[in-house]
Amino acid sequence: MTNLYSKIIGSGSYLPEKILTNHDLAKIVDTSHDWIFERTGIEQRHIASKNESSVDMAYKASLKAMSMAQLSSNDIDMIIVATSTPERKFPSTAVLLQNSLKVEQGFAFDINAACTGFIYALDVADKYVRAKVAKNILVVGSEKMSSLLDWKDRNTCVLFGDGAGAVILSESTAPGVLSTNIGSNGSYKDLLTVNIDPEFIEMKGNDVFKIAVKTMGKLAVSTLEKNNITIDQVDWLIPHQANSRIINAIAKKISLPSEKVILTVNKHGNTSAASIPLAFDDAYHNGSLKKGNLIMLEAFGAGFTWGSVLLKF
């Protein structure tokens, strides 16, 4: 019997037109370019316009992913959108996207696992493909993080940006997704959260940093062991783009050369569930990712949540 895999056959991304640099932020809050860059590696981030929603950004990224995959709206069986910033409480962002794309068949739903959302969505989509429920699944991470920022809080407002990334995960007999691994621990719920009134992000940065590095380091090792491979066999690590110091610390922990790590946090900031598909698409279009590459995706987010995906591109 032929093995059945899910495989990424298309990707796309969208970033809002407005760019907010560290120098721009220094004009509105007590900070500086050097202070931000030294602590985070971020130089700029994109900010959505007032009338631009997570659905709008998801739509533009999805069209590009579908174009690359050479699929039309009639070919999409299922849509999953990972987001913490939905346009509406309900209907879901995924259903609104389904309507925008004129996908009249299949089904759609959202996943909220904060910054790990896209990994959770890939995990779910992979299982639907392997179960032969869907052949072509649109998986999107779309976030308007600027809507949750207190622009007077220099510890959080400098970190986040807006954007969307999308992939098409399709049925394949060639190796694609090799393994997924997700987890969570709700006891850390107050270390990174959104207050209800007013709706602003609150974060205990030092605690988050330590736990993120420890958790993602262990996760990478367990992913390698699960697939019986060594780190030198991995062509690329595409981690959640939260902070360059976290990313560098993880690479060091698993003895992965920095040349094998995709880094986009400098120009995107932390785009939460959108960060990995944005980084993936950026790496593909700049020629870094090649067909046949072995790629590890890894994320850590509020909850805390975490997850990894090992795949052949």
C-alpha atoms as a PDB file:
ATOM      1  CA  MET A   1       0.000   0.000   0.000  1.00  0.00           C
ATOM      2  CA  THR A   2       1.335   3.417  -0.972  1.00  0.00           C
ATOM      3  CA  ASN A   3       2.063   5.799   1.897  1.00  0.00           C
ATOM      4  CA  LEU A   4      -0.069   8.927   1.941  1.00  0.00           C
ATOM      5  CA  TYR A   5       1.424  12.245   2.991  1.00  0.00           C
ATOM      6  CA  SER A   6       0.337  15.848   3.211  1.00  0.00           C
ATOM      7  CA  LYS A   7       2.698  18.168   1.345  1.00  0.00           C
ATOM      8  CA  ILE A   8       3.063  21.926   0.992  1.00  0.00           C
ATOM      9  CA  ILE A   9       2.578  22.745  -2.684  1.00  0.00           C
ATOM     10  CA  GLY A  10       2.053  26.497  -2.463  1.00  0.00           C
ATOM     11  CA  SER A  11       2.710  29.440  -0.184  1.00  0.00           C
ATOM     12  CA  GLY A  12       1.831  33.110  -0.094  1.00  0.00           C
ATOM     13  CA  SER A  13       2.119  36.097   2.190  1.00  0.00           C
ATOM     14  CA  TYR A  14       0.844  39.598   2.727  1.00  0.00           C
ATOM     15  CA  LEU A  15       2.286  42.509   4.701  1.00  0.00           C
ATOM     16  CA  PRO A  16       0.466  45.827   5.203  1.00  0.00           C
ATOM     17  CA  GLU A  17       1.836  48.821   3.348  1.00  0.00           C
ATOM     18  CA  LYS A  18       2.642  50.887   6.437  1.00  0.00           C
ATOM     19  CA  ILE A  19       6.090  50.236   7.926  1.00  0.00           C
ATOM     20  CA  LEU A  20       6.833  51.372  11.471  1.00  0.00           C
ATOM     21  CA  THR A  21      10.552  51.521  12.225  1.00  0.00           C
ATOM     22  CA  ASN A  22      12.236  51.611  15.612  1.00  0.00           C
ATOM     23  CA  HIS A  23      13.080  55.241  14.930  1.00  0.00           C
ATOM     24  CA  ASP A  24       9.382  55.951  14.352  1.00  0.00           C
ATOM     25  CA  LEU A  25       8.509  54.296  17.663  1.00  0.00           C
ATOM     26  CA  ALA A  26      11.101  56.406  19.481  1.00  0.00           C
ATOM     27  CA  LYS A  27       8.966  59.435  18.599  1.00  0.00           C
ATOM     28  CA  ILE A  28       5.861  58.108  20.371  1.00  0.00           C
ATOM     29  CA  VAL A  29       7.206  56.101  23.321  1.00  0.00           C
ATOM     30  CA  ASP A  30      10.271  56.214  25.591  1.00  0.00           C
ATOM     31  CA  THR A  31      12.567  53.920  23.596  1.00  0.00           C
ATOM     32  CA  SER A  32      15.299  53.922  20.950  1.00  0.00           C
ATOM     33  CA  HIS A  33      16.351  51.901  17.940  1.00  0.00           C
ATOM     34  CA  ASP A  34      19.379  50.521  19.801  1.00  0.00           C
ATOM     35  CA  TRP A  35      17.343  49.531  22.866  1.00  0.00           C
ATOM     36  CA  ILE A  36      14.830  47.581  20.761  1.00  0.00           C
ATOM     37  CA  PHE A  37      17.329  46.002  18.380  1.00  0.00           C
ATOM     38  CA  GLU A  38      19.753  44.827  21.069  1.00  0.00           C
ATOM     39  CA  ARG A  39      16.971  43.097  23.016  1.00  0.00           C
ATOM     40  CA  THR A  40      14.874  41.709  20.173  1.00  0.00           C
ATOM     41  CA  GLY A  41      16.643  41.935  16.814  1.00  0.00           C
ATOM     42  CA  ILE A  42      13.650  43.871  15.460  1.00  0.00           C
ATOM     43  CA  GLU A  43      14.266  46.855  13.178  1.00  0.00           C
ATOM     44  CA  GLN A  44      10.780  47.415  11.783  1.00  0.00           C
ATOM     45  CA  ARG A  45       7.281  45.974  11.595  1.00  0.00           C
ATOM     46  CA  HIS A  46       4.238  46.359   9.316  1.00  0.00           C
ATOM     47  CA  ILE A  47       1.049  47.910  10.716  1.00  0.00           C
ATOM     48  CA  ALA A  48      -2.376  47.309   9.190  1.00  0.00           C
ATOM     49  CA  SER A  49      -4.606  50.249   8.372  1.00  0.00           C
ATOM     50  CA  LYS A  50      -7.697  50.914  10.481  1.00  0.00           C
ATOM     51  CA  ASN A  51      -9.963  49.310   7.885  1.00  0.00           C
ATOM     52  CA  GLU A  52      -7.693  46.310   7.234  1.00  0.00           C
ATOM     53  CA  SER A  53      -8.715  43.127   9.073  1.00  0.00           C
ATOM     54  CA  SER A  54      -7.258  39.685   9.625  1.00  0.00           C
ATOM     55  CA  VAL A  55      -9.660  38.439   6.932  1.00  0.00           C
ATOM     56  CA  ASP A  56      -8.410  41.003   4.395  1.00  0.00           C
ATOM     57  CA  MET A  57      -4.784  40.030   4.994  1.00  0.00           C
ATOM     58  CA  ALA A  58      -5.579  36.308   4.948  1.00  0.00           C
ATOM     59  CA  TYR A  59      -7.403  36.729   1.640  1.00  0.00           C
ATOM     60  CA  LYS A  60      -4.409  38.343  -0.088  1.00  0.00           C
ATOM     61  CA  ALA A  61      -1.956  35.744   1.226  1.00  0.00           C
ATOM     62  CA  SER A  62      -4.308  32.896   0.275  1.00  0.00           C
ATOM     63  CA  LEU A  63      -4.665  34.051  -3.341  1.00  0.00           C
ATOM     64  CA  LYS A  64      -0.877  33.916  -3.724  1.00  0.00           C
ATOM     65  CA  ALA A  65      -0.663  30.442  -2.170  1.00  0.00           C
ATOM     66  CA  MET A  66      -3.442  29.152  -4.427  1.00  0.00           C
ATOM     67  CA  SER A  67      -1.758  30.682  -7.468  1.00  0.00           C
ATOM     68  CA  MET A  68       1.565  28.996  -6.688  1.00  0.00           C
ATOM     69  CA  ALA A  69      -0.237  25.673  -6.173  1.00  0.00           C
ATOM     70  CA  GLN A  70      -2.190  26.227  -9.414  1.00  0.00           C
ATOM     71  CA  LEU A  71      -5.481  25.656  -7.627  1.00  0.00           C
ATOM     72  CA  SER A  72      -8.792  27.488  -7.905  1.00  0.00           C
ATOM     73  CA  SER A  73     -11.465  28.056  -5.277  1.00  0.00           C
ATOM     74  CA  ASN A  74     -13.209  24.907  -6.546  1.00  0.00           C
ATOM     75  CA  ASP A  75     -10.201  22.796  -5.492  1.00  0.00           C
ATOM     76  CA  ILE A  76     -10.124  23.797  -1.817  1.00  0.00           C
ATOM     77  CA  ASP A  77     -11.779  21.237   0.485  1.00  0.00           C
ATOM     78  CA  MET A  78     -11.043  22.816   3.838  1.00  0.00           C
ATOM     79  CA  ILE A  79      -9.772  26.069   5.387  1.00  0.00           C
ATOM     80  CA  ILE A  80      -8.085  26.524   8.755  1.00  0.00           C
ATOM     81  CA  VAL A  81      -7.140  29.997   9.956  1.00  0.00           C
ATOM     82  CA  ALA A  82      -4.846  30.409  12.956  1.00  0.00           C
ATOM     83  CA  THR A  83      -5.486  33.778  14.567  1.00  0.00           C
ATOM     84  CA  SER A  84      -5.738  35.498  17.938  1.00  0.00           C
ATOM     85  CA  THR A  85      -7.145  38.654  16.347  1.00  0.00           C
ATOM     86  CA  PRO A  86     -10.355  37.664  14.532  1.00  0.00           C
ATOM     87  CA  GLU A  87     -12.350  40.256  12.628  1.00  0.00           C
ATOM     88  CA  ARG A  88     -15.466  39.151  14.495  1.00  0.00           C
ATOM     89  CA  LYS A  89     -16.187  37.019  17.570  1.00  0.00           C
ATOM     90  CA  PHE A  90     -18.240  34.925  15.153  1.00  0.00           C
ATOM     91  CA  PRO A  91     -18.553  33.845  12.387  1.00  0.00           C
ATOM     92  CA  SER A  92     -14.983  32.593  12.336  1.00  0.00           C
ATOM     93  CA  THR A  93     -12.237  34.259  10.327  1.00  0.00           C
ATOM     94  CA  ALA A  94     -11.987  31.049   8.291  1.00  0.00           C
ATOM     95  CA  VAL A  95     -15.658  31.172   7.280  1.00  0.00           C
ATOM     96  CA  LEU A  96     -15.344  34.847   6.338  1.00  0.00           C
ATOM     97  CA  LEU A  97     -12.243  33.955   4.291  1.00  0.00           C
ATOM     98  CA  GLN A  98     -14.115  31.086   2.653  1.00  0.00           C
ATOM     99  CA  ASN A  99     -16.749  33.578   1.550  1.00  0.00           C
ATOM    100  CA  SER A 100     -14.170  36.076   0.256  1.00  0.00           C
ATOM    101  CA  LEU A 101     -12.447  33.356  -1.776  1.00  0.00           C
ATOM    102  CA  LYS A 102     -15.801  32.072  -3.086  1.00  0.00           C
ATOM    103  CA  VAL A 103     -15.062  28.550  -1.844  1.00  0.00           C
ATOM    104  CA  GLU A 104     -18.554  27.063  -1.835  1.00  0.00           C
ATOM    105  CA  GLN A 105     -17.676  23.514  -0.764  1.00  0.00           C
ATOM    106  CA  GLY A 106     -15.935  21.983   2.218  1.00  0.00           C
ATOM    107  CA  PHE A 107     -15.695  23.493   5.689  1.00  0.00           C
ATOM    108  CA  ALA A 108     -13.729  26.109   7.590  1.00  0.00           C
ATOM    109  CA  PHE A 109     -12.791  26.928  11.176  1.00  0.00           C
ATOM    110  CA  ASP A 110     -10.343  28.931  13.304  1.00  0.00           C
ATOM    111  CA  ILE A 111      -7.633  27.807  15.710  1.00  0.00           C
ATOM    112  CA  ASN A 112      -6.378  30.014  18.529  1.00  0.00           C
ATOM    113  CA  ALA A 113      -3.115  28.764  20.025  1.00  0.00           C
ATOM    114  CA  ALA A 114      -1.517  32.230  20.024  1.00  0.00           C
ATOM    115  CA  CYS A 115       1.937  32.206  18.399  1.00  0.00           C
ATOM    116  CA  THR A 116       1.793  28.406  17.983  1.00  0.00           C
ATOM    117  CA  GLY A 117      -1.469  28.608  16.056  1.00  0.00           C
ATOM    118  CA  PHE A 118      -0.040  27.886  12.618  1.00  0.00           C
ATOM    119  CA  ILE A 119       1.744  24.747  13.888  1.00  0.00           C
ATOM    120  CA  TYR A 120      -1.480  23.532  15.514  1.00  0.00           C
ATOM    121  CA  ALA A 121      -3.301  24.195  12.238  1.00  0.00           C
ATOM    122  CA  LEU A 122      -0.739  22.202  10.246  1.00  0.00           C
ATOM    123  CA  ASP A 123      -1.021  19.343  12.741  1.00  0.00           C
ATOM    124  CA  VAL A 124      -4.808  19.225  12.283  1.00  0.00           C
ATOM    125  CA  ALA A 125      -4.633  19.628   8.488  1.00  0.00           C
ATOM    126  CA  ASP A 126      -2.065  16.836   8.173  1.00  0.00           C
ATOM    127  CA  LYS A 127      -4.392  14.455   9.982  1.00  0.00           C
ATOM    128  CA  TYR A 128      -7.365  15.367   7.770  1.00  0.00           C
ATOM    129  CA  VAL A 129      -5.299  14.653   4.643  1.00  0.00           C
ATOM    130  CA  ARG A 130      -3.991  11.344   5.982  1.00  0.00           C
ATOM    131  CA  ALA A 131      -7.545  10.349   6.948  1.00  0.00           C
ATOM    132  CA  LYS A 132      -8.601  11.068   3.334  1.00  0.00           C
ATOM    133  CA  VAL A 133     -11.195  13.613   4.439  1.00  0.00           C
ATOM    134  CA  ALA A 134      -9.653  16.462   2.409  1.00  0.00           C
ATOM    135  CA  LYS A 135      -7.202  16.621  -0.492  1.00  0.00           C
ATOM    136  CA  ASN A 136      -6.359  20.332  -0.608  1.00  0.00           C
ATOM    137  CA  ILE A 137      -6.365  22.334   2.612  1.00  0.00           C
ATOM    138  CA  LEU A 138      -5.722  26.062   2.876  1.00  0.00           C
ATOM    139  CA  VAL A 139      -3.836  26.750   6.118  1.00  0.00           C
ATOM    140  CA  VAL A 140      -3.446  30.412   7.083  1.00  0.00           C
ATOM    141  CA  GLY A 141      -1.910  32.425   9.892  1.00  0.00           C
ATOM    142  CA  SER A 142      -3.269  35.976   9.981  1.00  0.00           C
ATOM    143  CA  GLU A 143      -2.836  38.536  12.740  1.00  0.00           C
ATOM    144  CA  LYS A 144      -3.587  42.187  13.406  1.00  0.00           C
ATOM    145  CA  MET A 145      -1.504  42.369  16.576  1.00  0.00           C
ATOM    146  CA  SER A 146      -1.468  46.163  16.491  1.00  0.00           C
ATOM    147  CA  SER A 147      -5.125  46.054  17.604  1.00  0.00           C
ATOM    148  CA  LEU A 148      -4.008  44.611  20.970  1.00  0.00           C
ATOM    149  CA  LEU A 149      -1.162  47.012  21.719  1.00  0.00           C
ATOM    150  CA  ASP A 150      -0.910  49.680  24.370  1.00  0.00           C
ATOM    151  CA  TRP A 151       1.220  52.231  22.532  1.00  0.00           C
ATOM    152  CA  LYS A 152       2.342  53.656  25.871  1.00  0.00           C
ATOM    153  CA  ASP A 153       3.878  50.357  27.002  1.00  0.00           C
ATOM    154  CA  ARG A 154       7.374  50.227  25.530  1.00  0.00           C
ATOM    155  CA  ASN A 155       7.882  46.640  26.699  1.00  0.00           C
ATOM    156  CA  THR A 156       5.179  45.283  24.391  1.00  0.00           C
ATOM    157  CA  CYS A 157       4.338  47.816  21.670  1.00  0.00           C
ATOM    158  CA  VAL A 158       7.823  47.505  20.134  1.00  0.00           C
ATOM    159  CA  LEU A 159       7.538  43.738  19.679  1.00  0.00           C
ATOM    160  CA  PHE A 160       4.566  43.078  17.436  1.00  0.00           C
ATOM    161  CA  GLY A 161       3.523  43.559  13.828  1.00  0.00           C
ATOM    162  CA  ASP A 162       0.715  42.615  11.432  1.00  0.00           C
ATOM    163  CA  GLY A 163       0.569  40.294   8.446  1.00  0.00           C
ATOM    164  CA  ALA A 164      -0.611  36.992   7.013  1.00  0.00           C
ATOM    165  CA  GLY A 165       0.946  33.880   5.541  1.00  0.00           C
ATOM    166  CA  ALA A 166      -0.731  30.920   3.859  1.00  0.00           C
ATOM    167  CA  VAL A 167       0.133  27.478   2.544  1.00  0.00           C
ATOM    168  CA  ILE A 168      -1.709  24.816   0.584  1.00  0.00           C
ATOM    169  CA  LEU A 169      -1.338  21.385   2.159  1.00  0.00           C
ATOM    170  CA  SER A 170      -2.229  18.678  -0.348  1.00  0.00           C
ATOM    171  CA  GLU A 171      -2.461  14.912  -0.590  1.00  0.00           C
ATOM    172  CA  SER A 172       0.761  13.382  -1.946  1.00  0.00           C
ATOM    173  CA  THR A 173       2.511  10.036  -2.338  1.00  0.00           C
ATOM    174  CA  ALA A 174       5.862  11.835  -2.077  1.00  0.00           C
ATOM    175  CA  PRO A 175       7.148  12.582   1.453  1.00  0.00           C
ATOM    176  CA  GLY A 176       5.860  15.866   2.887  1.00  0.00           C
ATOM    177  CA  VAL A 177       4.945  16.303   6.542  1.00  0.00           C
ATOM    178  CA  LEU A 178       6.951  13.643   8.390  1.00  0.00           C
ATOM    179  CA  SER A 179       5.885  14.388  11.947  1.00  0.00           C
ATOM    180  CA  THR A 180       4.041  16.887  14.130  1.00  0.00           C
ATOM    181  CA  ASN A 181       4.312  17.449  17.870  1.00  0.00           C
ATOM    182  CA  ILE A 182       2.127  19.859  19.868  1.00  0.00           C
ATOM    183  CA  GLY A 183       1.661  20.570  23.555  1.00  0.00           C
ATOM    184  CA  SER A 184       0.440  23.088  26.121  1.00  0.00           C
ATOM    185  CA  ASN A 185       0.501  23.976  29.813  1.00  0.00           C
ATOM    186  CA  GLY A 186      -2.195  26.297  31.123  1.00  0.00           C
ATOM    187  CA  SER A 187      -0.441  26.954  34.434  1.00  0.00           C
ATOM    188  CA  TYR A 188       1.542  29.703  32.675  1.00  0.00           C
ATOM    189  CA  LYS A 189      -1.623  31.531  31.560  1.00  0.00           C
ATOM    190  CA  ASP A 190      -0.762  34.831  33.239  1.00  0.00           C
ATOM    191  CA  LEU A 191       2.791  35.249  31.918  1.00  0.00           C
ATOM    192  CA  LEU A 192       1.598  36.289  28.459  1.00  0.00           C
ATOM    193  CA  THR A 193      -2.015  37.327  28.122  1.00  0.00           C
ATOM    194  CA  VAL A 194      -4.515  39.901  26.882  1.00  0.00           C
ATOM    195  CA  ASN A 195      -6.406  41.920  29.469  1.00  0.00           C
ATOM    196  CA  ILE A 196     -10.154  42.093  28.945  1.00  0.00           C
ATOM    197  CA  ASP A 197     -10.697  45.786  29.664  1.00  0.00           C
ATOM    198  CA  PRO A 198      -8.861  47.417  28.053  1.00  0.00           C
ATOM    199  CA  GLU A 199      -7.804  44.722  25.549  1.00  0.00           C
ATOM    200  CA  PHE A 200      -4.015  45.064  25.748  1.00  0.00           C
ATOM    201  CA  ILE A 201      -1.205  42.517  25.696  1.00  0.00           C
ATOM    202  CA  GLU A 202       0.586  42.006  29.009  1.00  0.00           C
ATOM    203  CA  MET A 203       3.801  40.027  29.213  1.00  0.00           C
ATOM    204  CA  LYS A 204       6.386  39.071  31.815  1.00  0.00           C
ATOM    205  CA  GLY A 205       9.221  39.063  29.310  1.00  0.00           C
ATOM    206  CA  ASN A 206      12.050  37.504  31.312  1.00  0.00           C
ATOM    207  CA  ASP A 207       9.922  34.535  32.384  1.00  0.00           C
ATOM    208  CA  VAL A 208       8.626  33.992  28.860  1.00  0.00           C
ATOM    209  CA  PHE A 209      12.165  34.133  27.453  1.00  0.00           C
ATOM    210  CA  LYS A 210      13.540  31.471  29.818  1.00  0.00           C
ATOM    211  CA  ILE A 211      10.665  29.044  29.386  1.00  0.00           C
ATOM    212  CA  ALA A 212      10.543  29.537  25.595  1.00  0.00           C
ATOM    213  CA  VAL A 213      14.240  28.717  25.137  1.00  0.00           C
ATOM    214  CA  LYS A 214      14.059  25.672  27.421  1.00  0.00           C
ATOM    215  CA  THR A 215      10.844  24.327  25.882  1.00  0.00           C
ATOM    216  CA  MET A 216      11.791  24.861  22.236  1.00  0.00           C
ATOM    217  CA  GLY A 217      15.237  23.369  22.779  1.00  0.00           C
ATOM    218  CA  LYS A 218      13.702  20.183  24.216  1.00  0.00           C
ATOM    219  CA  LEU A 219      11.066  20.155  21.476  1.00  0.00           C
ATOM    220  CA  ALA A 220      13.690  20.282  18.726  1.00  0.00           C
ATOM    221  CA  VAL A 221      15.639  17.409  20.298  1.00  0.00           C
ATOM    222  CA  SER A 222      12.496  15.270  20.701  1.00  0.00           C
ATOM    223  CA  THR A 223      11.516  15.975  17.075  1.00  0.00           C
ATOM    224  CA  LEU A 224      14.908  14.757  15.869  1.00  0.00           C
ATOM    225  CA  GLU A 225      14.732  11.646  18.060  1.00  0.00           C
ATOM    226  CA  LYS A 226      11.184  10.864  16.961  1.00  0.00           C
ATOM    227  CA  ASN A 227      12.335  10.828  13.332  1.00  0.00           C
ATOM    228  CA  ASN A 228      15.646   9.096  14.071  1.00  0.00           C
ATOM    229  CA  ILE A 229      17.715  11.860  12.463  1.00  0.00           C
ATOM    230  CA  THR A 230      20.560  14.130  13.532  1.00  0.00           C
ATOM    231  CA  ILE A 231      20.643  17.915  13.457  1.00  0.00           C
ATOM    232  CA  ASP A 232      23.112  17.988  10.551  1.00  0.00           C
ATOM    233  CA  GLN A 233      20.444  16.371   8.338  1.00  0.00           C
ATOM    234  CA  VAL A 234      18.135  19.360   8.802  1.00  0.00           C
ATOM    235  CA  ASP A 235      18.492  21.912   5.998  1.00  0.00           C
ATOM    236  CA  TRP A 236      16.491  24.703   7.644  1.00  0.00           C
ATOM    237  CA  LEU A 237      14.953  25.660  10.963  1.00  0.00           C
ATOM    238  CA  ILE A 238      12.035  28.073  10.594  1.00  0.00           C
ATOM    239  CA  PRO A 239      11.115  29.113  14.139  1.00  0.00           C
ATOM    240  CA  HIS A 240       8.428  31.437  15.381  1.00  0.00           C
ATOM    241  CA  GLN A 241       9.810  34.941  14.870  1.00  0.00           C
ATOM    242  CA  ALA A 242       9.450  36.514  18.314  1.00  0.00           C
ATOM    243  CA  ASN A 243      12.935  37.546  19.307  1.00  0.00           C
ATOM    244  CA  SER A 244      16.330  36.956  17.690  1.00  0.00           C
ATOM    245  CA  ARG A 245      17.883  36.233  21.098  1.00  0.00           C
ATOM    246  CA  ILE A 246      15.422  33.380  21.684  1.00  0.00           C
ATOM    247  CA  ILE A 247      16.036  32.027  18.175  1.00  0.00           C
ATOM    248  CA  ASN A 248      19.822  32.192  18.534  1.00  0.00           C
ATOM    249  CA  ALA A 249      19.694  30.540  21.955  1.00  0.00           C
ATOM    250  CA  ILE A 250      17.643  27.649  20.566  1.00  0.00           C
ATOM    251  CA  ALA A 251      20.024  27.165  17.616  1.00  0.00           C
ATOM    252  CA  LYS A 252      22.948  27.092  20.043  1.00  0.00           C
ATOM    253  CA  LYS A 253      21.198  24.547  22.275  1.00  0.00           C
ATOM    254  CA  ILE A 254      20.746  22.111  19.402  1.00  0.00           C
ATOM    255  CA  SER A 255      24.116  22.898  17.730  1.00  0.00           C
ATOM    256  CA  LEU A 256      22.517  24.227  14.556  1.00  0.00           C
ATOM    257  CA  PRO A 257      24.627  26.748  12.583  1.00  0.00           C
ATOM    258  CA  SER A 258      23.008  30.174  12.268  1.00  0.00           C
ATOM    259  CA  GLU A 259      23.325  29.827   8.481  1.00  0.00           C
ATOM    260  CA  LYS A 260      20.569  27.188   8.647  1.00  0.00           C
ATOM    261  CA  VAL A 261      18.093  29.368  10.542  1.00  0.00           C
ATOM    262  CA  ILE A 262      15.507  31.471   8.711  1.00  0.00           C
ATOM    263  CA  LEU A 263      15.310  34.883  10.388  1.00  0.00           C
ATOM    264  CA  THR A 264      12.714  37.512   9.468  1.00  0.00           C
ATOM    265  CA  VAL A 265      11.935  39.023  12.880  1.00  0.00           C
ATOM    266  CA  ASN A 266      14.156  41.987  11.992  1.00  0.00           C
ATOM    267  CA  LYS A 267      11.732  43.175   9.297  1.00  0.00           C
ATOM    268  CA  HIS A 268       8.390  41.724  10.461  1.00  0.00           C
ATOM    269  CA  GLY A 269       8.498  41.841  14.270  1.00  0.00           C
ATOM    270  CA  ASN A 270       6.403  39.254  16.108  1.00  0.00           C
ATOM    271  CA  THR A 271       3.363  38.514  13.948  1.00  0.00           C
ATOM    272  CA  SER A 272       2.163  35.684  16.206  1.00  0.00           C
ATOM    273  CA  ALA A 273       0.442  32.894  14.216  1.00  0.00           C
ATOM    274  CA  ALA A 274       1.442  34.565  10.937  1.00  0.00           C
ATOM    275  CA  SER A 275       5.180  34.536  11.639  1.00  0.00           C
ATOM    276  CA  ILE A 276       6.124  31.027  10.471  1.00  0.00           C
ATOM    277  CA  PRO A 277       4.170  31.094   7.172  1.00  0.00           C
ATOM    278  CA  LEU A 278       5.504  34.619   6.522  1.00  0.00           C
ATOM    279  CA  ALA A 279       9.065  33.422   7.133  1.00  0.00           C
ATOM    280  CA  PHE A 280       8.478  30.299   5.024  1.00  0.00           C
ATOM    281  CA  ASP A 281       7.186  32.290   2.072  1.00  0.00           C
ATOM    282  CA  ASP A 282       9.973  34.852   2.392  1.00  0.00           C
ATOM    283  CA  ALA A 283      12.601  32.088   2.373  1.00  0.00           C
ATOM    284  CA  TYR A 284      11.010  30.386  -0.615  1.00  0.00           C
ATOM    285  CA  HIS A 285      10.866  33.533  -2.708  1.00  0.00           C
ATOM    286  CA  ASN A 286      14.418  34.630  -1.893  1.00  0.00           C
ATOM    287  CA  GLY A 287      15.671  31.239  -3.076  1.00  0.00           C
ATOM    288  CA  SER A 288      16.721  29.811   0.297  1.00  0.00           C
ATOM    289  CA  LEU A 289      14.247  26.911   0.310  1.00  0.00           C
ATOM    290  CA  LYS A 290      14.802  24.228  -2.313  1.00  0.00           C
ATOM    291  CA  LYS A 291      12.672  21.275  -3.320  1.00  0.00           C
ATOM    292  CA  GLY A 292      13.665  18.272  -1.222  1.00  0.00           C
ATOM    293  CA  ASN A 293      14.890  20.339   1.733  1.00  0.00           C
ATOM    294  CA  LEU A 294      14.284  18.900   5.196  1.00  0.00           C
ATOM    295  CA  ILE A 295      12.706  21.688   7.256  1.00  0.00           C
ATOM    296  CA  MET A 296      11.816  21.962  10.931  1.00  0.00           C
ATOM    297  CA  LEU A 297       9.130  24.440  11.956  1.00  0.00           C
ATOM    298  CA  GLU A 298       8.910  25.305  15.639  1.00  0.00           C
ATOM    299  CA  ALA A 299       6.798  27.689  17.720  1.00  0.00           C
ATOM    300  CA  PHE A 300       6.034  28.738  21.275  1.00  0.00           C
ATOM    301  CA  GLY A 301       3.153  30.934  22.385  1.00  0.00           C
ATOM    302  CA  ALA A 302       0.833  32.155  25.120  1.00  0.00           C
ATOM    303  CA  GLY A 303      -0.876  29.453  27.116  1.00  0.00           C
ATOM    304  CA  PHE A 304       1.803  28.300  27.089  1.00  0.00           C
ATOM    305  CA  THR A 305       1.502  26.385  23.815  1.00  0.00           C
ATOM    306  CA  TRP A 306       4.248  24.873  21.694  1.00  0.00           C
ATOM    307  CA  GLY A 307       4.692  22.704  18.645  1.00  0.00           C
ATOM    308  CA  SER A 308       6.924  21.478  15.851  1.00  0.00           C
ATOM    309  CA  VAL A 309       6.551  20.131  12.317  1.00  0.00           C
ATOM    310  CA  LEU A 310       9.221  18.237  10.391  1.00  0.00           C
ATOM    311  CA  LEU A 311       8.641  18.200   6.640  1.00  0.00           C
ATOM    312  CA  LYS A 312      10.175  17.568   3.252  1.00  0.00           C
ATOM    313  CA  PHE A 313       9.555  20.496   0.935  1.00  0.00           C
END
